[in-house]
Amino acid sequence: MRASNSNNELKGKIALVTGGTQGAGRAIAERLSQAGAEVIAVARNLPENKASNLNFIAADLSTTAGTEKVVTETLKLFERLDILINNLGGSETKGGGYAVLTDSDWVETLQTNLLAPVRLDRGFLPQMIMNKSGVIIHIGSIQAKLPLYDSTLPYAAAKAGLVNYSKGLSNEVSPKGVRVLTVSPGWIMTTSSSRLVERLAENSNTGFEEAKQSLMESLGGIPYGRPAEPEEIAELIGFLVSPRANYLTGTEYVIDGGTIPTI
């Protein structure tokens, strides 16, 4: 899927994307670069196939030191940040429901999915407020409303907290010139989610498409009939950070193919 560069509408802007080297994060980073932004991708390790048009900072954002490193290096290189995409997230907790989840499982998930964005916002907001300009987008999840209790309860709880925090933050900083938004995707077809489907197919002795359908049904069904592509998430974000969306703040945008059955 090829996205329009919208006439370089982000030319001169500095953007940072956490988790920006794979999946939706990479698609977002490339979309913003296509629109003219200078993009910094953040991940724990430098990828082998790093795009030549992206800058890169290696950092573990689940730690205070990691987030401080990202803020310091970004402001040292560019002196400001215009667009912050808090995309990093995920869960590696084991299946089995609430009883098998330890304090460590909860803390690790909350550090990555909730506290990392909070720390980065706290690091970059003073400069954005001083410039009376900036956009912060938090990547939530439909699991904030539709938690899968078997294995991702801490992740769902963290994303619910992130959505609430994002709304509250917008009320504080929007009058100071900084827009804050949340984008909550449903299932996105990435390399990692494809591996998950392959494991499910192997465990159930079924084919890939059958396992994929079973996973969609476990989410309550996707009326559109398929998961999202990373580029579709990136295209929404490309619009939201652009001048065309200047009046939008404090809102959560759900992009899930109709999965959530309520309004």
Foldseek 3Di string as FASTA:
>chain_A
DDDALCCLLCAPAEEEFEVLPFFLNVLLQVSNVSSHYAYEYEEQDDDPCDDPSHHYDHFDLLDLVRLVVVLVVVCVVPVAHAEYELEWADADFDFDFDVVQDPVRLSSRLSGLAVSVVSNCVSHVVRCLVVLHHEYEYEAACLCVVPDGGGCVSNNVSSVVRLVVQLVVQVVCVVSNYATEYEHEYDEDTPVVQVVLVVQCVVVVHDSVVSQQVVCVSLVHQQQHHGHYSNVSSNVVSCCSGPVNSVDHSYYHYHYNCSPVDD
